[in-house]
């Protein structure tokens, strides 16, 4: 194990979630912030055509 934090969601939580969020990844960088364009390019490279859109809000959360 590489000691990376993992968040596990129960089936109850997933079932109670609006379907539009089932294929959405939300991330927040703690500490040093990465430039939006760098993050967007890395996600596009990793996900290719599966990535629809990358957005950021004014609190530093990234949604894709």
N, C-alpha and C. Protein backbone atom coordinates (compact mmCIF):
# COMPACT_ATOMS: atom_id res chain seq x y z
N UNK A 1 0.86 -1.19 0.00
CA UNK A 1 0.00 0.00 0.00
C UNK A 1 0.90 1.24 0.00
N UNK A 2 0.49 2.27 -0.70
CA UNK A 2 1.31 3.47 -0.82
C UNK A 2 0.87 4.60 0.10
N UNK A 3 0.00 4.32 1.04
CA UNK A 3 -0.46 5.28 2.05
C UNK A 3 -1.18 6.49 1.47
N UNK A 4 -1.80 6.35 0.30
CA UNK A 4 -2.60 7.44 -0.26
C UNK A 4 -3.99 7.39 0.38
N UNK A 5 -4.54 8.56 0.73
CA UNK A 5 -5.88 8.57 1.31
C UNK A 5 -6.91 8.11 0.29
N UNK A 6 -7.87 7.34 0.74
CA UNK A 6 -8.93 6.84 -0.13
C UNK A 6 -10.27 7.13 0.54
N UNK A 7 -11.23 7.59 -0.25
CA UNK A 7 -12.58 7.84 0.25
C UNK A 7 -13.49 6.76 -0.32
N UNK A 8 -14.12 6.01 0.53
CA UNK A 8 -15.07 4.98 0.12
C UNK A 8 -16.48 5.44 0.45
N UNK A 9 -17.35 5.41 -0.54
CA UNK A 9 -18.74 5.81 -0.34
C UNK A 9 -19.62 4.57 -0.28
N UNK A 10 -20.52 4.57 0.67
CA UNK A 10 -21.43 3.43 0.82
C UNK A 10 -22.45 3.43 -0.31
N UNK A 11 -23.04 2.27 -0.55
CA UNK A 11 -24.09 2.15 -1.57
C UNK A 11 -25.27 3.06 -1.26
N UNK A 12 -25.58 3.23 0.04
CA UNK A 12 -26.69 4.12 0.44
C UNK A 12 -26.43 5.56 0.00
N UNK A 13 -25.21 6.02 0.17
CA UNK A 13 -24.85 7.38 -0.23
C UNK A 13 -24.93 7.52 -1.74
N UNK A 14 -24.39 6.54 -2.45
CA UNK A 14 -24.42 6.59 -3.92
C UNK A 14 -25.84 6.57 -4.46
N UNK A 15 -26.70 5.75 -3.87
CA UNK A 15 -28.08 5.66 -4.33
C UNK A 15 -28.85 6.94 -4.07
N UNK A 16 -28.49 7.67 -3.02
CA UNK A 16 -29.19 8.91 -2.66
C UNK A 16 -28.69 10.11 -3.46
N UNK A 17 -27.64 9.93 -4.23
CA UNK A 17 -27.03 11.02 -4.98
C UNK A 17 -27.72 11.19 -6.33
N UNK A 18 -27.90 12.44 -6.73
CA UNK A 18 -28.46 12.74 -8.03
C UNK A 18 -27.59 12.11 -9.12
N UNK A 19 -28.19 11.50 -10.11
CA UNK A 19 -27.45 10.78 -11.16
C UNK A 19 -26.44 11.66 -11.90
N UNK A 20 -26.68 12.96 -11.99
CA UNK A 20 -25.75 13.82 -12.72
C UNK A 20 -24.37 13.87 -12.06
N UNK A 21 -24.27 13.51 -10.78
CA UNK A 21 -22.99 13.53 -10.07
C UNK A 21 -22.25 12.19 -10.13
N UNK A 22 -22.87 11.15 -10.66
CA UNK A 22 -22.25 9.83 -10.68
C UNK A 22 -21.00 9.77 -11.54
N UNK A 23 -20.88 10.64 -12.51
CA UNK A 23 -19.70 10.64 -13.37
C UNK A 23 -18.94 11.95 -13.27
N UNK A 24 -18.96 12.53 -12.10
CA UNK A 24 -18.29 13.80 -11.86
C UNK A 24 -17.20 13.59 -10.81
N UNK A 25 -16.05 14.15 -11.08
CA UNK A 25 -14.95 14.09 -10.13
C UNK A 25 -14.72 15.49 -9.58
N UNK A 26 -14.69 15.61 -8.27
CA UNK A 26 -14.45 16.90 -7.62
C UNK A 26 -13.14 16.79 -6.87
N UNK A 27 -12.28 17.76 -7.07
CA UNK A 27 -10.99 17.72 -6.38
C UNK A 27 -10.65 19.09 -5.82
N UNK A 28 -9.83 19.04 -4.79
CA UNK A 28 -9.35 20.26 -4.14
C UNK A 28 -7.91 19.99 -3.71
N UNK A 29 -7.00 20.80 -4.16
CA UNK A 29 -5.59 20.63 -3.80
C UNK A 29 -5.31 21.34 -2.47
N UNK A 30 -4.79 20.60 -1.52
CA UNK A 30 -4.44 21.16 -0.22
C UNK A 30 -2.99 21.61 -0.29
N UNK A 31 -2.74 22.82 0.17
CA UNK A 31 -1.37 23.34 0.11
C UNK A 31 -1.15 24.10 -1.18
N UNK A 32 -0.14 23.71 -1.91
CA UNK A 32 0.22 24.38 -3.16
C UNK A 32 -0.87 24.19 -4.22
N UNK A 33 -1.29 25.30 -4.84
CA UNK A 33 -2.30 25.23 -5.89
C UNK A 33 -1.61 25.07 -7.24
N UNK A 34 -2.18 24.21 -8.07
CA UNK A 34 -1.68 24.02 -9.42
C UNK A 34 -2.47 24.92 -10.36
N UNK A 35 -1.80 25.44 -11.40
CA UNK A 35 -2.53 26.25 -12.38
C UNK A 35 -3.65 25.46 -13.04
N UNK A 36 -4.76 26.12 -13.28
CA UNK A 36 -5.93 25.46 -13.86
C UNK A 36 -5.58 24.80 -15.19
N UNK A 37 -4.89 25.50 -16.07
CA UNK A 37 -4.56 24.96 -17.39
C UNK A 37 -3.72 23.69 -17.29
N UNK A 38 -2.80 23.65 -16.35
CA UNK A 38 -1.97 22.46 -16.16
C UNK A 38 -2.83 21.28 -15.74
N UNK A 39 -3.73 21.50 -14.81
CA UNK A 39 -4.64 20.45 -14.35
C UNK A 39 -5.55 20.01 -15.49
N UNK A 40 -6.10 20.95 -16.23
CA UNK A 40 -6.99 20.63 -17.33
C UNK A 40 -6.27 19.80 -18.40
N UNK A 41 -5.06 20.18 -18.75
CA UNK A 41 -4.30 19.43 -19.75
C UNK A 41 -3.98 18.01 -19.27
N UNK A 42 -3.63 17.86 -18.00
CA UNK A 42 -3.31 16.54 -17.46
C UNK A 42 -4.56 15.65 -17.48
N UNK A 43 -5.71 16.21 -17.13
CA UNK A 43 -6.95 15.44 -17.16
C UNK A 43 -7.34 15.04 -18.58
N UNK A 44 -7.18 15.97 -19.52
CA UNK A 44 -7.49 15.66 -20.92
C UNK A 44 -6.57 14.57 -21.44
N UNK A 45 -5.32 14.61 -21.06
CA UNK A 45 -4.37 13.59 -21.48
C UNK A 45 -4.74 12.22 -20.88
N UNK A 46 -5.12 12.20 -19.60
CA UNK A 46 -5.44 10.95 -18.92
C UNK A 46 -6.78 10.36 -19.36
N UNK A 47 -7.79 11.20 -19.56
CA UNK A 47 -9.14 10.72 -19.84
C UNK A 47 -9.51 10.76 -21.31
N UNK A 48 -8.80 11.53 -22.11
CA UNK A 48 -9.10 11.62 -23.54
C UNK A 48 -10.53 12.08 -23.80
N UNK A 49 -11.19 11.37 -24.72
CA UNK A 49 -12.55 11.75 -25.15
C UNK A 49 -13.60 11.58 -24.06
N UNK A 50 -13.28 10.84 -23.00
CA UNK A 50 -14.25 10.64 -21.91
C UNK A 50 -14.47 11.91 -21.10
N UNK A 51 -13.48 12.82 -21.13
CA UNK A 51 -13.59 14.06 -20.37
C UNK A 51 -14.45 15.05 -21.14
N UNK A 52 -15.53 15.47 -20.52
CA UNK A 52 -16.46 16.39 -21.18
C UNK A 52 -16.05 17.84 -20.91
N UNK A 53 -15.75 18.16 -19.66
CA UNK A 53 -15.48 19.55 -19.29
C UNK A 53 -14.73 19.59 -17.96
N UNK A 54 -13.91 20.61 -17.80
CA UNK A 54 -13.23 20.86 -16.52
C UNK A 54 -13.59 22.28 -16.11
N UNK A 55 -14.03 22.44 -14.86
CA UNK A 55 -14.41 23.76 -14.35
C UNK A 55 -13.76 23.98 -13.00
N UNK A 56 -13.64 25.24 -12.62
CA UNK A 56 -13.14 25.58 -11.29
C UNK A 56 -14.06 26.66 -10.72
N UNK A 57 -14.24 26.62 -9.39
CA UNK A 57 -15.01 27.69 -8.76
C UNK A 57 -14.05 28.63 -8.01
N UNK A 58 -14.57 29.68 -7.45
CA UNK A 58 -13.72 30.68 -6.82
C UNK A 58 -13.18 30.23 -5.45
N UNK A 59 -13.60 29.07 -4.95
CA UNK A 59 -13.02 28.53 -3.71
C UNK A 59 -11.88 27.54 -3.98
N UNK A 60 -11.56 27.31 -5.25
CA UNK A 60 -10.45 26.43 -5.58
C UNK A 60 -10.83 24.99 -5.86
N UNK A 61 -12.12 24.69 -5.94
CA UNK A 61 -12.55 23.33 -6.26
C UNK A 61 -12.56 23.14 -7.77
N UNK A 62 -12.09 22.00 -8.21
CA UNK A 62 -12.10 21.65 -9.63
C UNK A 62 -13.14 20.55 -9.86
N UNK A 63 -13.94 20.69 -10.89
CA UNK A 63 -14.98 19.71 -11.20
C UNK A 63 -14.77 19.23 -12.63
N UNK A 64 -14.86 17.94 -12.83
CA UNK A 64 -14.77 17.40 -14.18
C UNK A 64 -15.67 16.20 -14.30
